[in-house]
Amino acid sequence: MTSQAPIQKPEQRSLDAVIVGAGFGGLCTAIKLREAGIENFVILEKFGEVGGTWRDNTYPGAACDVQSHLYSFSFAGKPDWNYRYGGQQEIRDYIENTTDEYGIRPFIRFNQEVNGAHFDEQRGVWTLTTENGDVYTTQHFVLATGPLHEPSYPNIPGLDRFQGKVFHSARWDHDYDLTDKNVVSIGTGASAIQYVPEVARQAKKLHVMQRTPAWIIPRDTRAYPAIEKRIFRRLPLLRKLHRARLYWTNESRVWPVFHPSLAKGLQQLTKLFIRHQVNDKETARKLTPSYTMGCKRILISNDYYPAFNRDNVELHTSGIAEIRENSVVTKDGQELPADCIILGTGFVVDPRQYMRGFEVTGVNGHRLQDDWADASRAYMGITVPNYPNFYLLVGPNTGLGHNSIIFMIECQVHYIMECLKLLRQKNADYIDTRQQALDEFDEEVQNNIEGTVWTSGCQSWYQQEDGRNVALWPFSTWKYWLRTRRVDTSKHRFVQCPATVNAEAENA
């Protein structure tokens, strides 16, 4: 595609769209806007490069738990993935290369952190403001930050007085040498199970602080041979068939989610995997979850469990009482010397929390933080009543526990493009979702979450404090694809602004 000259300052003219976030979602939206002939847009990115979570998470061992050929855009296939499951650097390279291939970089405004968005119903436009004082005016506002961009820091007594090194896994300090250090790792989620084996090979002593164990299954670590890459390059149809096979294989994993009895059967195989990989019986017992498999995120690793066979790795499950200047004290009274504390404590995934410093106001005085006071809700996870022309990517209840989120992002971007088409066809300025449509959709989603493995008794990051699941889509992903092919016009209002109506009357 032809490269674009840098577009002029957004505040000097009205934009058709502003996208916030330059990860997979923001880039997909930008590519589809250009394909539709819409070039009057910008992406606002708070950091200095594209990539989202794959730019931020550079910890040792970082890799994806979805197969490479599926964790990529359907319209931008990569024939030469090196491994079945891509590592962080290869995924980041893919994102950067796709950005350049589709000519998106000139549309990106880096180091622009948005702190407010306000809708003017008289003119039908959004005004976005940034931390460094810039102002952007646009008809359409796409929030593509996703839920995995703000690290979650634990509230542990004494953490602020620790004299050693502290960093979060999403802000890894590669300049700090872990060799011969006493390291305490807090958390045993998706990031920790990847970096723990790597840290264990360097540290003098590694203490792993576990609150709740995770169900972990084996990872397919095979590489794609050169001949297979050549075949995929020369015969794209075979690559697409390979991708389709991966999709339907993953989609079959949804059945244990809907039928917890099936999940309990799979647990027995996973318990054998734990006992096979962990030498010490007591450690194996501590690493074995007591909740139904799938209630929390299922993780994949071949080398996490064996890390506990090392003499320099110790598992602690009693909890942390306090942190002192040079040690961590457990609730069972052990004082663990520490030179470094690594926080593998995940992300703030509740939109009510990670958007707390980002005010969004809609029509009739509506404020998103107030409307979401009890729970974040969005129709199809994309639109919110009283916030016209505002679209979420990977919004409430569109996350997955069994397949590729890139599939969901493409569905959502297609839906957004259909909204834009309808506005042009109806000569309207904005589309606003009806409250009844959201209420009915939300009731359907929450009713279908009941009886799944996610409601089998555990607490997870999928849930709010009151137990409501605000993260996951409780159906097959192909059903989401069907429901986002077209916009049901009965679920929305299409509005002309007073200024447009007056202008048309004058020209009549």
Protein backbone atom coordinates (compact mmCIF):
# COMPACT_ATOMS: atom_id res chain seq x y z
CA MET A 1 0.00 0.00 0.00
CA THR A 2 1.19 3.54 -0.64
CA SER A 3 2.76 5.39 2.23
CA GLN A 4 0.96 8.42 3.60
CA ALA A 5 2.40 11.82 4.35
CA PRO A 6 2.01 12.82 8.00
CA ILE A 7 -1.47 14.22 8.50
CA GLN A 8 -1.94 17.70 9.96
CA LYS A 9 -2.53 18.42 13.63
CA PRO A 10 -5.88 16.90 14.64
CA GLU A 11 -6.93 19.98 16.60
CA GLN A 12 -6.82 21.99 13.35
CA ARG A 13 -9.66 20.05 11.75
CA SER A 14 -12.47 17.61 12.56
CA LEU A 15 -11.61 13.92 12.44
CA ASP A 16 -13.81 11.06 11.36
CA ALA A 17 -12.42 8.76 14.04
CA VAL A 18 -10.01 8.70 16.96
CA ILE A 19 -8.71 5.32 18.12
CA VAL A 20 -7.13 5.03 21.57
CA GLY A 21 -4.49 2.30 21.75
CA ALA A 22 -2.08 0.88 19.16
CA GLY A 23 -2.27 -2.80 20.00
CA PHE A 24 -4.03 -5.47 17.95
CA GLY A 25 -7.44 -3.80 18.32
CA GLY A 26 -6.41 -0.29 17.40
CA LEU A 27 -4.37 -1.45 14.41
CA CYS A 28 -7.19 -3.67 13.13
CA THR A 29 -9.60 -0.72 13.30
CA ALA A 30 -7.16 1.55 11.49
CA ILE A 31 -6.58 -0.99 8.72
CA LYS A 32 -10.31 -1.47 8.15
CA LEU A 33 -10.94 2.28 8.14
CA ARG A 34 -8.38 2.69 5.37
CA GLU A 35 -9.89 -0.20 3.43
CA ALA A 36 -13.24 1.63 3.62
CA GLY A 37 -11.62 4.78 2.20
CA ILE A 38 -11.58 6.63 5.53
CA GLU A 39 -8.21 8.32 6.03
CA ASN A 40 -9.23 11.17 8.33
CA PHE A 41 -8.38 9.49 11.63
CA VAL A 42 -5.62 9.15 14.23
CA ILE A 43 -4.51 6.57 16.76
CA LEU A 44 -3.52 7.94 20.17
CA GLU A 45 -0.94 5.72 21.88
CA LYS A 46 0.30 6.51 25.39
CA PHE A 47 3.71 4.91 24.83
CA GLY A 48 6.33 5.36 22.12
CA GLU A 49 5.71 2.26 19.98
CA VAL A 50 2.92 -0.03 18.81
CA GLY A 51 2.30 -3.48 20.26
CA GLY A 52 0.19 -3.12 23.40
CA THR A 53 0.75 -5.96 25.84
CA TRP A 54 3.40 -7.48 23.53
CA ARG A 55 5.41 -4.29 23.74
CA ASP A 56 5.08 -4.06 27.52
CA ASN A 57 5.64 -7.67 28.61
CA THR A 58 9.26 -8.45 27.83
CA TYR A 59 9.95 -10.71 30.81
CA PRO A 60 12.09 -13.82 30.20
CA GLY A 61 10.06 -16.65 28.70
CA ALA A 62 7.16 -14.43 27.58
CA ALA A 63 5.05 -16.25 24.99
CA CYS A 64 1.47 -16.63 23.81
CA ASP A 65 -0.92 -19.39 24.91
CA VAL A 66 -2.78 -19.33 21.57
CA GLN A 67 -1.24 -20.91 18.47
CA SER A 68 0.74 -18.49 16.28
CA HIS A 69 -1.25 -19.01 13.07
CA LEU A 70 -4.43 -18.19 14.99
CA TYR A 71 -3.01 -15.36 17.08
CA SER A 72 -2.70 -13.10 14.05
CA PHE A 73 -5.02 -11.23 11.71
CA SER A 74 -6.98 -13.38 9.26
CA PHE A 75 -6.24 -10.80 6.55
CA ALA A 76 -2.53 -10.57 7.32
CA GLY A 77 -1.34 -14.16 7.54
CA LYS A 78 2.27 -14.91 8.36
CA PRO A 79 3.50 -18.11 6.65
CA ASP A 80 6.80 -18.35 8.49
CA TRP A 81 5.96 -18.48 12.19
CA ASN A 82 8.87 -20.19 13.92
CA TYR A 83 6.95 -22.03 16.62
CA ARG A 84 3.49 -23.43 17.26
CA TYR A 85 3.14 -20.87 20.05
CA GLY A 86 4.87 -17.57 19.31
CA GLY A 87 7.25 -15.86 21.69
CA GLN A 88 6.93 -12.21 22.70
CA GLN A 89 9.55 -10.87 20.31
CA GLU A 90 8.15 -12.68 17.27
CA ILE A 91 4.62 -11.45 18.02
CA ARG A 92 5.88 -7.93 18.56
CA ASP A 93 7.78 -8.09 15.24
CA TYR A 94 4.57 -9.26 13.55
CA ILE A 95 2.61 -6.30 14.96
CA GLU A 96 5.27 -3.78 13.93
CA ASN A 97 5.64 -5.29 10.45
CA THR A 98 1.86 -5.30 9.94
CA THR A 99 1.71 -1.66 11.03
CA ASP A 100 4.24 -0.73 8.35
CA GLU A 101 2.84 -3.03 5.66
CA TYR A 102 -0.59 -1.40 5.90
CA GLY A 103 0.77 2.14 6.15
CA ILE A 104 -0.65 2.86 9.60
CA ARG A 105 2.35 4.47 11.28
CA PRO A 106 1.75 8.00 9.88
CA PHE A 107 -1.67 8.00 11.54
CA ILE A 108 -0.31 7.28 15.04
CA ARG A 109 0.30 9.98 17.65
CA PHE A 110 2.72 8.44 20.13
CA ASN A 111 3.16 9.49 23.77
CA GLN A 112 -0.43 10.71 23.90
CA GLU A 113 -2.23 9.47 27.00
CA VAL A 114 -5.93 10.31 26.89
CA ASN A 115 -7.44 11.58 30.15
CA GLY A 116 -10.95 12.55 29.07
CA ALA A 117 -13.60 12.13 26.37
CA HIS A 118 -16.78 14.23 26.18
CA PHE A 119 -19.69 14.01 23.73
CA ASP A 120 -21.48 17.10 22.39
CA GLU A 121 -24.96 16.00 21.32
CA GLN A 122 -25.68 19.34 19.62
CA ARG A 123 -22.83 18.80 17.16
CA GLY A 124 -22.56 15.01 17.37
CA VAL A 125 -18.83 15.01 18.11
CA TRP A 126 -16.45 13.71 20.76
CA THR A 127 -13.71 15.88 22.24
CA LEU A 128 -10.73 13.97 23.62
CA THR A 129 -8.05 15.56 25.78
CA THR A 130 -4.58 14.23 26.58
CA GLU A 131 -2.16 14.51 29.48
CA ASN A 132 0.07 16.90 27.55
CA GLY A 133 -2.78 19.27 26.72
CA ASP A 134 -3.68 18.32 23.15
CA VAL A 135 -7.33 18.30 22.05
CA TYR A 136 -8.85 16.03 19.39
CA THR A 137 -12.36 16.41 17.98
CA THR A 138 -13.96 13.47 16.20
CA GLN A 139 -17.26 11.94 15.13
CA HIS A 140 -16.32 8.40 16.21
CA PHE A 141 -14.37 7.31 19.27
CA VAL A 142 -12.91 3.77 19.49
CA LEU A 143 -11.43 2.68 22.82
CA ALA A 144 -8.94 -0.08 21.95
CA THR A 145 -6.80 -0.14 25.08
CA GLY A 146 -7.93 -3.63 26.09
CA PRO A 147 -7.85 -4.91 29.68
CA LEU A 148 -4.16 -5.87 29.93
CA HIS A 149 -2.32 -2.57 30.00
CA GLU A 150 -2.33 -1.37 33.62
CA PRO A 151 -0.23 -3.50 36.01
CA SER A 152 -1.86 -4.50 39.27
CA TYR A 153 0.29 -3.79 42.32
CA PRO A 154 -0.46 -5.68 45.55
CA ASN A 155 -1.19 -3.92 48.82
CA ILE A 156 1.30 -5.71 51.07
CA PRO A 157 2.40 -4.16 54.38
CA GLY A 158 5.98 -2.89 54.12
CA LEU A 159 6.39 -3.12 50.36
CA ASP A 160 7.17 0.58 50.20
CA ARG A 161 10.06 0.26 52.66
CA PHE A 162 11.83 -2.63 50.93
CA GLN A 163 15.44 -1.61 50.24
CA GLY A 164 16.14 -4.02 47.39
CA LYS A 165 14.93 -4.09 43.80
CA VAL A 166 11.19 -4.26 43.03
CA PHE A 167 9.58 -4.47 39.60
CA HIS A 168 6.39 -5.77 38.01
CA SER A 169 6.59 -8.49 35.37
CA ALA A 170 5.05 -6.05 32.85
CA ARG A 171 7.80 -3.53 33.60
CA TRP A 172 10.74 -5.93 33.64
CA ASP A 173 14.10 -4.34 34.46
CA HIS A 174 16.53 -6.03 32.06
CA ASP A 175 19.42 -3.99 33.45
CA TYR A 176 19.11 -5.72 36.81
CA ASP A 177 21.23 -8.88 37.00
CA LEU A 178 19.46 -11.66 38.89
CA THR A 179 22.58 -13.82 39.03
CA ASP A 180 23.32 -15.06 42.57
CA LYS A 181 20.47 -12.98 44.02
CA ASN A 182 17.85 -13.98 46.55
CA VAL A 183 14.62 -13.45 44.65
CA VAL A 184 11.02 -13.50 45.86
CA SER A 185 8.36 -13.88 43.18
CA ILE A 186 4.81 -12.93 44.17
CA GLY A 187 1.99 -14.47 42.15
CA THR A 188 1.56 -17.65 40.12
CA GLY A 189 -0.50 -16.52 37.13
CA ALA A 190 0.09 -16.55 33.39
CA SER A 191 3.21 -14.35 33.51
CA ALA A 192 4.80 -15.96 36.55
CA ILE A 193 4.66 -19.51 35.21
CA GLN A 194 6.68 -18.30 32.22
CA TYR A 195 9.36 -16.28 33.99
CA VAL A 196 9.81 -18.47 37.09
CA PRO A 197 11.77 -21.22 35.25
CA GLU A 198 13.98 -18.57 33.65
CA VAL A 199 14.67 -16.78 36.93
CA ALA A 200 15.35 -20.12 38.65
CA ARG A 201 18.28 -20.71 36.28
CA GLN A 202 19.91 -17.42 37.38
CA ALA A 203 19.02 -16.75 41.00
CA LYS A 204 20.89 -18.09 43.98
CA LYS A 205 17.53 -18.69 45.68
CA LEU A 206 14.01 -18.24 44.32
CA HIS A 207 11.02 -18.15 46.66
CA VAL A 208 7.68 -18.49 44.85
CA MET A 209 4.77 -17.03 46.81
CA GLN A 210 1.56 -18.81 45.79
CA ARG A 211 -1.91 -17.79 46.90
CA THR A 212 -3.88 -20.16 44.64
CA PRO A 213 -2.38 -22.79 42.31
CA ALA A 214 -3.31 -22.84 38.62
CA TRP A 215 -4.25 -25.74 36.41
CA ILE A 216 -1.36 -26.05 33.96
CA ILE A 217 -1.33 -28.27 30.88
CA PRO A 218 1.58 -29.16 28.55
CA ARG A 219 2.71 -26.74 25.83
CA ASP A 220 3.37 -27.77 22.23
CA THR A 221 6.91 -26.44 21.79
CA ARG A 222 7.50 -27.80 18.30
CA ALA A 223 9.02 -25.56 15.67
CA TYR A 224 7.65 -25.24 12.16
CA PRO A 225 10.18 -26.87 9.80
CA ALA A 226 11.52 -24.86 6.88
CA ILE A 227 9.67 -26.97 4.33
CA GLU A 228 6.33 -26.28 6.03
CA LYS A 229 7.01 -22.54 6.00
CA ARG A 230 7.78 -22.70 2.27
CA ILE A 231 4.58 -24.61 1.61
CA PHE A 232 2.53 -22.06 3.56
CA ARG A 233 4.17 -19.23 1.62
CA ARG A 234 3.62 -20.80 -1.81
CA LEU A 235 0.17 -22.25 -1.08
CA PRO A 236 -1.71 -19.75 1.12
CA LEU A 237 -4.82 -21.91 1.01
CA LEU A 238 -3.02 -24.62 3.00
CA ARG A 239 -2.02 -22.05 5.60
CA LYS A 240 -5.63 -20.93 5.87
CA LEU A 241 -6.79 -24.51 6.25
CA HIS A 242 -4.20 -24.99 9.02
CA ARG A 243 -5.55 -21.88 10.73
CA ALA A 244 -9.13 -23.17 10.39
CA ARG A 245 -8.15 -26.49 11.94
CA LEU A 246 -6.59 -24.70 14.89
CA TYR A 247 -9.70 -22.56 15.32
CA TRP A 248 -12.10 -25.51 15.46
CA THR A 249 -9.76 -27.51 17.69
CA ASN A 250 -9.71 -24.63 20.15
CA GLU A 251 -13.44 -24.12 19.83
CA SER A 252 -14.03 -27.69 21.00
CA ARG A 253 -12.48 -26.69 24.32
CA VAL A 254 -15.61 -24.72 25.16
CA TRP A 255 -17.52 -27.90 26.05
CA PRO A 256 -15.82 -28.44 29.42
CA VAL A 257 -16.64 -24.79 30.17
CA PHE A 258 -20.34 -25.40 29.65
CA HIS A 259 -20.27 -28.85 31.27
CA PRO A 260 -18.17 -28.79 34.47
CA SER A 261 -18.44 -32.57 34.76
CA LEU A 262 -16.27 -32.85 31.64
CA ALA A 263 -13.76 -30.45 33.18
CA LYS A 264 -13.52 -32.63 36.27
CA GLY A 265 -12.61 -35.58 34.06
CA LEU A 266 -9.77 -33.61 32.49
CA GLN A 267 -8.50 -32.74 35.94
CA GLN A 268 -7.49 -36.33 36.55
CA LEU A 269 -5.15 -36.25 33.54
CA THR A 270 -3.68 -32.97 34.68
CA LYS A 271 -3.06 -34.35 38.16
CA LEU A 272 -1.06 -37.15 36.56
CA PHE A 273 0.93 -34.48 34.68
CA ILE A 274 1.73 -32.73 37.98
CA ARG A 275 2.78 -35.94 39.73
CA HIS A 276 4.92 -36.89 36.75
CA GLN A 277 6.73 -33.54 36.68
CA VAL A 278 7.15 -32.74 40.39
CA ASN A 279 9.39 -35.04 42.45
CA ASP A 280 8.36 -34.00 45.96
CA LYS A 281 4.89 -35.23 46.87
CA GLU A 282 4.14 -32.40 49.28
CA THR A 283 5.13 -29.78 46.72
CA ALA A 284 3.00 -31.55 44.10
CA ARG A 285 0.06 -31.44 46.51
CA LYS A 286 0.48 -27.69 47.02
CA LEU A 287 0.65 -27.15 43.27
CA THR A 288 -2.60 -29.05 42.67
CA PRO A 289 -5.72 -26.82 42.60
CA SER A 290 -8.83 -27.72 44.58
CA TYR A 291 -11.26 -25.87 42.28
CA THR A 292 -12.79 -27.15 39.04
CA MET A 293 -10.50 -26.92 36.04
CA GLY A 294 -11.33 -23.83 33.96
CA CYS A 295 -12.87 -21.85 36.82
CA LYS A 296 -9.68 -19.79 36.65
CA ARG A 297 -7.60 -19.36 33.50
CA ILE A 298 -5.96 -22.62 32.34
CA LEU A 299 -2.24 -22.11 31.70
CA ILE A 300 0.25 -23.97 29.51
CA SER A 301 3.87 -24.77 30.36
CA ASN A 302 6.32 -27.65 30.20
CA ASP A 303 8.95 -26.23 32.52
CA TYR A 304 7.07 -24.53 35.39
CA TYR A 305 6.49 -27.65 37.46
CA PRO A 306 10.03 -29.03 36.94
CA ALA A 307 11.41 -25.73 38.26
CA PHE A 308 10.35 -26.88 41.74
CA ASN A 309 12.67 -29.87 41.48
CA ARG A 310 15.62 -27.49 41.67
CA ASP A 311 17.41 -27.13 45.01
CA ASN A 312 17.30 -23.32 44.77
CA VAL A 313 13.51 -23.03 44.30
CA GLU A 314 11.04 -23.11 47.19
CA LEU A 315 7.24 -22.85 47.13
CA HIS A 316 5.41 -20.92 49.88
CA THR A 317 1.64 -21.08 50.34
CA SER A 318 0.91 -19.57 53.77
CA GLY A 319 0.76 -16.00 52.49
CA ILE A 320 2.83 -12.89 53.18
CA ALA A 321 2.57 -11.22 56.58
CA GLU A 322 4.83 -8.26 55.81
CA ILE A 323 7.82 -7.06 53.86
CA ARG A 324 10.84 -5.70 55.69
CA GLU A 325 13.82 -3.72 54.44
CA ASN A 326 15.69 -6.80 53.21
CA SER A 327 13.30 -9.72 53.61
CA VAL A 328 9.80 -11.09 53.17
CA VAL A 329 8.02 -12.55 56.19
CA THR A 330 5.45 -15.29 55.63
CA LYS A 331 2.34 -15.84 57.73
CA ASP A 332 3.79 -19.08 59.08
CA GLY A 333 6.73 -17.15 60.53
CA GLN A 334 9.51 -17.67 57.99
CA GLU A 335 11.74 -14.70 57.16
CA LEU A 336 13.07 -14.99 53.61
CA PRO A 337 16.14 -12.91 52.71
CA ALA A 338 15.47 -10.94 49.54
CA ASP A 339 17.57 -8.85 47.17
CA CYS A 340 14.78 -8.56 44.62
CA ILE A 341 10.98 -8.84 44.59
CA ILE A 342 9.22 -9.59 41.28
CA LEU A 343 5.51 -8.82 41.15
CA GLY A 344 3.78 -11.34 38.91
CA THR A 345 0.43 -9.98 40.06
CA GLY A 346 -1.31 -9.44 36.74
CA PHE A 347 -3.33 -6.47 35.55
CA VAL A 348 -6.23 -4.25 36.54
CA VAL A 349 -8.84 -5.84 34.24
CA ASP A 350 -12.04 -4.20 35.52
CA PRO A 351 -12.78 -1.19 33.25
CA ARG A 352 -14.20 0.66 36.25
CA GLN A 353 -10.72 0.55 37.75
CA TYR A 354 -8.37 1.04 34.82
CA MET A 355 -10.55 3.91 33.51
CA ARG A 356 -10.81 5.64 36.88
CA GLY A 357 -8.55 8.51 35.74
CA PHE A 358 -10.20 8.74 32.33
CA GLU A 359 -13.54 10.56 32.49
CA VAL A 360 -16.06 9.78 29.74
CA THR A 361 -19.30 11.79 29.50
CA GLY A 362 -22.18 11.17 27.10
CA VAL A 363 -25.64 12.62 26.46
CA ASN A 364 -27.91 14.20 29.08
CA GLY A 365 -25.17 14.43 31.68
CA HIS A 366 -24.34 10.71 31.66
CA ARG A 367 -20.92 9.84 33.06
CA LEU A 368 -19.52 6.39 32.29
CA GLN A 369 -17.92 5.99 35.71
CA ASP A 370 -21.35 6.54 37.28
CA ASP A 371 -23.24 4.31 34.85
CA TRP A 372 -20.70 1.57 35.49
CA ALA A 373 -20.66 2.04 39.26
CA ASP A 374 -22.15 -1.42 39.86
CA ALA A 375 -20.77 -3.21 36.79
CA SER A 376 -19.26 -2.48 33.40
CA ARG A 377 -21.76 -3.43 30.70
CA ALA A 378 -21.86 -2.96 26.93
CA TYR A 379 -24.15 -4.22 24.17
CA MET A 380 -22.26 -7.00 22.37
CA GLY A 381 -19.34 -5.76 24.49
CA ILE A 382 -19.03 -2.87 22.02
CA THR A 383 -21.56 -0.04 22.54
CA VAL A 384 -23.03 1.63 25.63
CA PRO A 385 -26.38 3.48 25.78
CA ASN A 386 -26.08 7.27 26.09
CA TYR A 387 -22.55 7.26 24.62
CA PRO A 388 -23.17 7.66 20.88
CA ASN A 389 -20.52 6.70 18.32
CA PHE A 390 -18.42 5.24 21.14
CA TYR A 391 -17.08 1.74 20.59
CA LEU A 392 -15.18 -0.63 22.88
CA LEU A 393 -12.82 -3.38 21.73
CA VAL A 394 -12.46 -6.39 24.05
CA GLY A 395 -15.14 -4.78 26.15
CA PRO A 396 -17.18 -6.37 28.96
CA ASN A 397 -17.97 -10.07 28.51
CA THR A 398 -16.07 -10.52 25.24
CA GLY A 399 -12.92 -12.09 26.65
CA LEU A 400 -12.20 -15.77 26.03
CA GLY A 401 -10.96 -18.76 27.95
CA HIS A 402 -10.59 -21.15 25.04
CA ASN A 403 -9.80 -19.44 21.71
CA SER A 404 -8.07 -16.47 20.08
CA ILE A 405 -9.05 -12.95 21.14
CA ILE A 406 -7.91 -11.74 17.71
CA PHE A 407 -10.97 -13.50 16.27
CA MET A 408 -13.21 -11.50 18.61
CA ILE A 409 -11.42 -8.25 17.77
CA GLU A 410 -12.00 -8.77 14.05
CA CYS A 411 -15.69 -9.42 14.72
CA GLN A 412 -15.95 -6.22 16.76
CA VAL A 413 -14.17 -4.09 14.17
CA HIS A 414 -16.45 -5.47 11.45
CA TYR A 415 -19.45 -4.47 13.60
CA ILE A 416 -18.06 -0.96 14.03
CA MET A 417 -17.60 -0.60 10.28
CA GLU A 418 -21.22 -1.72 9.79
CA CYS A 419 -22.32 1.03 12.20
CA LEU A 420 -20.45 3.61 10.13
CA LYS A 421 -22.09 2.34 6.93
CA LEU A 422 -25.56 2.57 8.46
CA LEU A 423 -24.97 6.15 9.60
CA ARG A 424 -24.12 7.15 6.05
CA GLN A 425 -27.11 5.29 4.63
CA LYS A 426 -29.49 6.91 7.10
CA ASN A 427 -27.86 10.34 6.80
CA ALA A 428 -27.53 10.36 10.60
CA ASP A 429 -24.87 11.95 12.77
CA TYR A 430 -24.75 9.36 15.48
CA ILE A 431 -25.93 5.92 16.58
CA ASP A 432 -26.98 5.35 20.18
CA THR A 433 -27.79 1.94 21.65
CA ARG A 434 -31.15 1.60 23.38
CA GLN A 435 -31.05 0.83 27.10
CA GLN A 436 -33.51 -2.04 26.69
CA ALA A 437 -31.19 -3.67 24.16
CA LEU A 438 -28.31 -3.61 26.62
CA ASP A 439 -30.46 -4.86 29.50
CA GLU A 440 -31.72 -7.82 27.48
CA PHE A 441 -28.24 -8.67 26.18
CA ASP A 442 -26.70 -8.42 29.64
CA GLU A 443 -29.40 -10.62 31.16
CA GLU A 444 -28.81 -13.22 28.44
CA VAL A 445 -25.06 -13.23 29.06
CA GLN A 446 -25.28 -13.43 32.83
CA ASN A 447 -27.93 -16.18 32.70
CA ASN A 448 -25.72 -18.26 30.42
CA ILE A 449 -22.69 -17.81 32.69
CA GLU A 450 -24.67 -19.56 35.43
CA GLY A 451 -23.94 -23.27 35.44
CA THR A 452 -20.61 -22.94 33.63
CA VAL A 453 -17.26 -23.87 35.08
CA TRP A 454 -16.68 -20.17 35.83
CA THR A 455 -19.37 -20.27 38.51
CA SER A 456 -18.20 -23.51 40.11
CA GLY A 457 -16.90 -21.89 43.27
CA CYS A 458 -13.55 -20.16 42.76
CA GLN A 459 -12.61 -16.47 42.76
CA SER A 460 -10.83 -15.23 39.63
CA TRP A 461 -9.88 -12.07 37.76
CA TYR A 462 -12.89 -12.78 35.54
CA GLN A 463 -15.10 -11.52 38.39
CA GLN A 464 -15.88 -8.36 40.28
CA GLU A 465 -15.82 -8.27 44.05
CA ASP A 466 -19.49 -9.34 44.15
CA GLY A 467 -18.79 -12.40 41.99
CA ARG A 468 -20.31 -11.05 38.77
CA ASN A 469 -18.36 -12.22 35.69
CA VAL A 470 -17.62 -9.13 33.59
CA ALA A 471 -14.88 -10.61 31.43
CA LEU A 472 -15.90 -13.71 29.50
CA TRP A 473 -18.14 -14.55 26.55
CA PRO A 474 -20.31 -17.52 27.62
CA PHE A 475 -20.98 -18.95 24.16
CA SER A 476 -19.04 -20.32 21.21
CA THR A 477 -17.08 -17.67 19.31
CA TRP A 478 -18.82 -18.53 16.04
CA LYS A 479 -22.04 -17.36 17.66
CA TYR A 480 -20.39 -14.00 18.33
CA TRP A 481 -19.30 -13.92 14.68
CA LEU A 482 -22.91 -14.45 13.56
CA ARG A 483 -24.28 -11.78 15.88
CA THR A 484 -21.79 -9.15 14.77
CA ARG A 485 -22.20 -9.63 11.01
CA ARG A 486 -24.98 -7.03 10.87
CA VAL A 487 -26.31 -4.31 13.13
CA ASP A 488 -29.85 -4.85 14.40
CA THR A 489 -31.28 -1.38 13.77
CA SER A 490 -34.14 -1.98 16.22
CA LYS A 491 -31.57 -1.99 19.05
CA HIS A 492 -30.32 1.52 18.30
CA ARG A 493 -31.39 5.10 17.67
CA PHE A 494 -30.09 6.97 14.62
CA VAL A 495 -29.98 10.69 15.29
CA GLN A 496 -29.48 13.85 13.28
CA CYS A 497 -28.04 16.73 15.26
CA PRO A 498 -29.91 20.08 15.35
CA ALA A 499 -27.20 21.74 13.26
CA THR A 500 -27.60 19.11 10.52
CA VAL A 501 -31.39 19.40 10.54
CA ASN A 502 -31.20 23.20 10.27
CA ALA A 503 -28.67 23.04 7.45
CA GLU A 504 -30.84 20.63 5.47
CA ALA A 505 -33.89 22.86 6.03
CA GLU A 506 -32.00 25.89 4.73
CA ASN A 507 -30.90 23.98 1.62
CA ALA A 508 -34.37 22.58 0.92
